[in-house]
């Protein structure tokens, strides 16, 4: 079996979920991501920081009126990492499908 190793940053299901949400849009506000992946503010903040440190997510802070807001955006590197991760998963599944059936 010659499958590439999975990206350890995206192997955490929470981070993979965040990246998947961000892949569907140009930029997503923090609360929308939080609700989509069902995390607390602090848990999302920690995971977003890990993704930002890996270069996969950009964080932008600003204001809507007088209220502070945070937006998350998948970087080009993050999009490439997600594509590679999905391709690797597909390779693993394809390899498993080619394995002989040992149940019979």
N, C-alpha and C. Protein backbone atom coordinates (compact mmCIF):
# COMPACT_ATOMS: atom_id res chain seq x y z
N UNK A 1 0.86 -1.18 0.00
CA UNK A 1 0.00 0.00 0.00
C UNK A 1 0.90 1.24 0.00
N UNK A 2 0.70 2.12 -0.94
CA UNK A 2 1.55 3.31 -1.07
C UNK A 2 0.72 4.59 -0.91
N UNK A 3 0.12 4.73 0.24
CA UNK A 3 -0.71 5.90 0.51
C UNK A 3 0.11 6.90 1.32
N UNK A 4 0.02 8.17 0.94
CA UNK A 4 0.72 9.21 1.67
C UNK A 4 0.15 9.35 3.07
N UNK A 5 0.95 9.78 4.03
CA UNK A 5 0.42 9.98 5.38
C UNK A 5 -0.56 11.16 5.41
N UNK A 6 -1.51 11.08 6.31
CA UNK A 6 -2.48 12.17 6.47
C UNK A 6 -1.84 13.35 7.19
N UNK A 7 -2.24 14.54 6.83
CA UNK A 7 -1.78 15.77 7.46
C UNK A 7 -2.18 15.75 8.94
N UNK A 8 -1.23 15.80 9.86
CA UNK A 8 -1.57 15.74 11.28
C UNK A 8 -2.41 16.93 11.75
N UNK A 9 -2.27 18.08 11.09
CA UNK A 9 -3.06 19.26 11.48
C UNK A 9 -4.54 18.99 11.19
N UNK A 10 -4.83 18.41 10.03
CA UNK A 10 -6.21 18.17 9.64
C UNK A 10 -6.75 16.83 10.14
N UNK A 11 -5.87 15.99 10.71
CA UNK A 11 -6.34 14.70 11.22
C UNK A 11 -7.21 14.84 12.46
N UNK A 12 -7.11 15.97 13.13
CA UNK A 12 -8.02 16.24 14.25
C UNK A 12 -9.38 16.58 13.64
N UNK A 13 -10.39 15.82 13.99
CA UNK A 13 -11.69 15.98 13.34
C UNK A 13 -12.27 17.38 13.54
N UNK A 14 -11.99 18.00 14.66
CA UNK A 14 -12.50 19.35 14.89
C UNK A 14 -11.90 20.32 13.90
N UNK A 15 -10.58 20.26 13.69
CA UNK A 15 -9.94 21.15 12.73
C UNK A 15 -10.37 20.86 11.31
N UNK A 16 -10.55 19.59 10.98
CA UNK A 16 -11.04 19.23 9.66
C UNK A 16 -12.44 19.80 9.44
N UNK A 17 -13.28 19.74 10.45
CA UNK A 17 -14.63 20.30 10.35
C UNK A 17 -14.60 21.81 10.13
N UNK A 18 -13.72 22.49 10.84
CA UNK A 18 -13.60 23.94 10.68
C UNK A 18 -13.16 24.28 9.25
N UNK A 19 -12.15 23.58 8.76
CA UNK A 19 -11.65 23.83 7.42
C UNK A 19 -12.73 23.54 6.38
N UNK A 20 -13.51 22.49 6.59
CA UNK A 20 -14.59 22.16 5.65
C UNK A 20 -15.64 23.27 5.62
N UNK A 21 -15.97 23.84 6.76
CA UNK A 21 -16.92 24.95 6.80
C UNK A 21 -16.35 26.15 6.04
N UNK A 22 -15.08 26.45 6.28
CA UNK A 22 -14.46 27.60 5.64
C UNK A 22 -14.28 27.41 4.13
N UNK A 23 -14.14 26.17 3.69
CA UNK A 23 -13.93 25.91 2.26
C UNK A 23 -15.14 26.30 1.42
N UNK A 24 -16.30 26.38 2.05
CA UNK A 24 -17.53 26.67 1.31
C UNK A 24 -17.77 28.16 1.11
N UNK A 25 -16.90 29.02 1.67
CA UNK A 25 -17.13 30.46 1.58
C UNK A 25 -15.80 31.20 1.50
N UNK A 26 -15.87 32.45 1.12
CA UNK A 26 -14.67 33.29 1.09
C UNK A 26 -14.19 33.61 2.50
N UNK A 27 -15.14 33.95 3.35
CA UNK A 27 -14.84 34.33 4.74
C UNK A 27 -16.09 34.04 5.57
N UNK A 28 -15.89 33.57 6.80
CA UNK A 28 -17.02 33.21 7.65
C UNK A 28 -16.81 33.83 9.03
N UNK A 29 -17.88 34.41 9.58
CA UNK A 29 -17.74 35.01 10.89
C UNK A 29 -17.62 33.91 11.96
N UNK A 30 -16.95 34.26 13.03
CA UNK A 30 -16.61 33.34 14.11
C UNK A 30 -17.84 32.61 14.64
N UNK A 31 -18.92 33.34 14.89
CA UNK A 31 -20.13 32.73 15.46
C UNK A 31 -20.72 31.69 14.53
N UNK A 32 -20.69 31.93 13.24
CA UNK A 32 -21.23 30.97 12.28
C UNK A 32 -20.41 29.68 12.29
N UNK A 33 -19.09 29.82 12.32
CA UNK A 33 -18.23 28.64 12.39
C UNK A 33 -18.47 27.91 13.70
N UNK A 34 -18.51 28.64 14.80
CA UNK A 34 -18.75 28.06 16.12
C UNK A 34 -20.02 27.22 16.12
N UNK A 35 -21.09 27.78 15.59
CA UNK A 35 -22.37 27.08 15.58
C UNK A 35 -22.35 25.88 14.64
N UNK A 36 -21.67 26.02 13.50
CA UNK A 36 -21.62 24.94 12.51
C UNK A 36 -20.88 23.71 13.03
N UNK A 37 -19.82 23.95 13.79
CA UNK A 37 -19.02 22.82 14.29
C UNK A 37 -19.32 22.49 15.75
N UNK A 38 -20.28 23.24 16.32
CA UNK A 38 -20.78 22.98 17.68
C UNK A 38 -19.66 22.97 18.72
N UNK A 39 -18.93 24.09 18.76
CA UNK A 39 -17.86 24.28 19.73
C UNK A 39 -18.16 25.48 20.61
N UNK A 40 -17.51 25.52 21.74
CA UNK A 40 -17.56 26.72 22.57
C UNK A 40 -16.64 27.76 21.94
N UNK A 41 -16.81 29.01 22.35
CA UNK A 41 -15.94 30.08 21.84
C UNK A 41 -14.47 29.76 22.11
N UNK A 42 -14.17 29.31 23.32
CA UNK A 42 -12.76 29.06 23.68
C UNK A 42 -12.19 27.88 22.89
N UNK A 43 -12.99 26.84 22.67
CA UNK A 43 -12.50 25.69 21.91
C UNK A 43 -12.25 26.08 20.45
N UNK A 44 -13.17 26.85 19.86
CA UNK A 44 -12.96 27.30 18.49
C UNK A 44 -11.75 28.20 18.39
N UNK A 45 -11.58 29.08 19.34
CA UNK A 45 -10.43 29.98 19.34
C UNK A 45 -9.12 29.19 19.37
N UNK A 46 -9.07 28.17 20.20
CA UNK A 46 -7.86 27.34 20.30
C UNK A 46 -7.59 26.62 18.98
N UNK A 47 -8.62 26.04 18.38
CA UNK A 47 -8.44 25.30 17.12
C UNK A 47 -8.11 26.25 15.97
N UNK A 48 -8.75 27.42 15.95
CA UNK A 48 -8.45 28.41 14.91
C UNK A 48 -7.00 28.88 15.03
N UNK A 49 -6.52 29.03 16.25
CA UNK A 49 -5.11 29.43 16.45
C UNK A 49 -4.16 28.36 15.91
N UNK A 50 -4.49 27.10 16.12
CA UNK A 50 -3.65 26.01 15.60
C UNK A 50 -3.65 26.02 14.08
N UNK A 51 -4.81 26.24 13.48
CA UNK A 51 -4.91 26.31 12.02
C UNK A 51 -4.19 27.54 11.48
N UNK A 52 -4.26 28.64 12.20
CA UNK A 52 -3.56 29.86 11.80
C UNK A 52 -2.05 29.64 11.88
N UNK A 53 -1.58 28.98 12.93
CA UNK A 53 -0.15 28.71 13.09
C UNK A 53 0.38 27.81 11.97
N UNK A 54 -0.48 26.92 11.47
CA UNK A 54 -0.10 26.04 10.36
C UNK A 54 -0.15 26.76 9.02
N UNK A 55 -0.71 27.97 9.01
CA UNK A 55 -0.84 28.72 7.77
C UNK A 55 -2.08 28.38 6.97
N UNK A 56 -3.01 27.64 7.57
CA UNK A 56 -4.21 27.18 6.87
C UNK A 56 -5.38 28.15 6.98
N UNK A 57 -5.38 28.98 8.00
CA UNK A 57 -6.50 29.89 8.24
C UNK A 57 -5.96 31.28 8.54
N UNK A 58 -6.63 32.29 8.01
CA UNK A 58 -6.33 33.69 8.33
C UNK A 58 -7.46 34.21 9.21
N UNK A 59 -7.10 34.95 10.24
CA UNK A 59 -8.07 35.51 11.17
C UNK A 59 -8.07 37.02 11.00
N UNK A 60 -9.26 37.58 10.85
CA UNK A 60 -9.39 39.04 10.72
C UNK A 60 -10.32 39.53 11.82
N UNK A 61 -9.88 40.55 12.51
CA UNK A 61 -10.70 41.16 13.56
C UNK A 61 -11.12 42.55 13.12
N UNK A 62 -12.32 42.91 13.50
CA UNK A 62 -12.84 44.22 13.14
C UNK A 62 -14.08 44.53 13.95
N UNK A 63 -14.84 45.47 13.48
CA UNK A 63 -16.05 45.90 14.19
C UNK A 63 -17.22 45.95 13.23
N UNK A 64 -18.37 45.64 13.75
CA UNK A 64 -19.64 45.87 13.07
C UNK A 64 -20.36 46.85 13.99
N UNK A 65 -20.42 48.09 13.54
CA UNK A 65 -20.86 49.14 14.46
C UNK A 65 -19.82 49.28 15.55
N UNK A 66 -20.25 49.17 16.79
CA UNK A 66 -19.32 49.25 17.92
C UNK A 66 -18.97 47.88 18.48
N UNK A 67 -19.50 46.84 17.86
CA UNK A 67 -19.29 45.49 18.38
C UNK A 67 -18.09 44.82 17.70
N UNK A 68 -17.18 44.27 18.48
CA UNK A 68 -16.03 43.57 17.89
C UNK A 68 -16.48 42.27 17.22
N UNK A 69 -15.86 41.95 16.10
CA UNK A 69 -16.18 40.73 15.37
C UNK A 69 -14.88 40.09 14.89
N UNK A 70 -14.96 38.77 14.70
CA UNK A 70 -13.83 38.01 14.17
C UNK A 70 -14.32 37.20 12.98
N UNK A 71 -13.52 37.19 11.91
CA UNK A 71 -13.83 36.41 10.72
C UNK A 71 -12.68 35.47 10.44
N UNK A 72 -13.00 34.31 9.90
CA UNK A 72 -12.01 33.30 9.55
C UNK A 72 -12.07 33.07 8.04
N UNK A 73 -10.89 32.84 7.46
CA UNK A 73 -10.80 32.61 6.02
C UNK A 73 -9.77 31.51 5.78
N UNK A 74 -10.10 30.59 4.90
CA UNK A 74 -9.16 29.56 4.52
C UNK A 74 -8.13 30.17 3.58
N UNK A 75 -6.86 29.98 3.86
CA UNK A 75 -5.79 30.50 2.99
C UNK A 75 -5.62 29.58 1.78
N UNK A 76 -4.90 30.04 0.76
CA UNK A 76 -4.60 29.14 -0.36
C UNK A 76 -3.88 27.86 0.11
N UNK A 77 -3.00 28.00 1.09
CA UNK A 77 -2.30 26.82 1.64
C UNK A 77 -3.29 25.88 2.31
N UNK A 78 -4.28 26.47 3.01
CA UNK A 78 -5.31 25.66 3.66
C UNK A 78 -6.17 24.92 2.66
N UNK A 79 -6.52 25.61 1.57
CA UNK A 79 -7.31 24.95 0.52
C UNK A 79 -6.53 23.80 -0.11
N UNK A 80 -5.25 24.03 -0.35
CA UNK A 80 -4.40 22.98 -0.94
C UNK A 80 -4.27 21.81 0.04
N UNK A 81 -4.09 22.10 1.31
CA UNK A 81 -3.97 21.04 2.31
C UNK A 81 -5.26 20.22 2.40
N UNK A 82 -6.40 20.89 2.32
CA UNK A 82 -7.67 20.17 2.35
C UNK A 82 -7.82 19.28 1.12
N UNK A 83 -7.48 19.81 -0.06
CA UNK A 83 -7.56 19.00 -1.28
C UNK A 83 -6.66 17.75 -1.17
N UNK A 84 -5.44 17.96 -0.68
CA UNK A 84 -4.50 16.84 -0.53
C UNK A 84 -5.02 15.83 0.50
N UNK A 85 -5.59 16.33 1.58
CA UNK A 85 -6.13 15.46 2.63
C UNK A 85 -7.25 14.59 2.07
N UNK A 86 -8.17 15.21 1.33
CA UNK A 86 -9.29 14.48 0.74
C UNK A 86 -8.77 13.46 -0.29
N UNK A 87 -7.80 13.85 -1.08
CA UNK A 87 -7.22 12.92 -2.06
C UNK A 87 -6.58 11.72 -1.37
N UNK A 88 -5.90 11.98 -0.26
CA UNK A 88 -5.28 10.89 0.49
C UNK A 88 -6.34 9.97 1.07
N UNK A 89 -7.40 10.54 1.63
CA UNK A 89 -8.51 9.72 2.14
C UNK A 89 -9.11 8.87 1.02
N UNK A 90 -9.30 9.47 -0.15
CA UNK A 90 -9.83 8.73 -1.29
C UNK A 90 -8.91 7.58 -1.68
N UNK A 91 -7.60 7.79 -1.61
CA UNK A 91 -6.64 6.74 -1.92
C UNK A 91 -6.73 5.60 -0.91
N UNK A 92 -6.91 5.95 0.35
CA UNK A 92 -7.05 4.93 1.39
C UNK A 92 -8.31 4.10 1.15
N UNK A 93 -9.40 4.77 0.83
CA UNK A 93 -10.66 4.07 0.56
C UNK A 93 -10.53 3.18 -0.67
N UNK A 94 -9.90 3.70 -1.72
CA UNK A 94 -9.71 2.92 -2.95
C UNK A 94 -8.87 1.67 -2.67
N UNK A 95 -7.84 1.82 -1.87
CA UNK A 95 -6.98 0.69 -1.51
C UNK A 95 -7.77 -0.34 -0.71
N UNK A 96 -8.61 0.11 0.19
CA UNK A 96 -9.44 -0.80 0.98
C UNK A 96 -10.44 -1.53 0.08
N UNK A 97 -10.96 -0.85 -0.92
CA UNK A 97 -11.92 -1.46 -1.84
C UNK A 97 -11.26 -2.56 -2.69
N UNK A 98 -9.96 -2.42 -2.93
CA UNK A 98 -9.24 -3.41 -3.75
C UNK A 98 -8.82 -4.63 -2.91
N UNK A 99 -8.88 -4.53 -1.59
CA UNK A 99 -8.46 -5.63 -0.73
C UNK A 99 -9.43 -6.80 -0.89
N UNK A 100 -8.89 -8.02 -0.82
CA UNK A 100 -9.77 -9.19 -0.97
C UNK A 100 -10.75 -9.28 0.19
N UNK A 101 -11.95 -9.75 -0.11
CA UNK A 101 -12.99 -9.93 0.90
C UNK A 101 -12.67 -11.18 1.71
N UNK A 102 -12.43 -11.02 2.98
CA UNK A 102 -12.04 -12.16 3.83
C UNK A 102 -13.19 -12.65 4.70
N UNK A 103 -14.39 -12.14 4.46
CA UNK A 103 -15.53 -12.55 5.27
C UNK A 103 -16.20 -13.82 4.77
N UNK A 104 -15.84 -14.28 3.61
CA UNK A 104 -16.57 -15.40 3.03
C UNK A 104 -15.75 -16.56 2.85
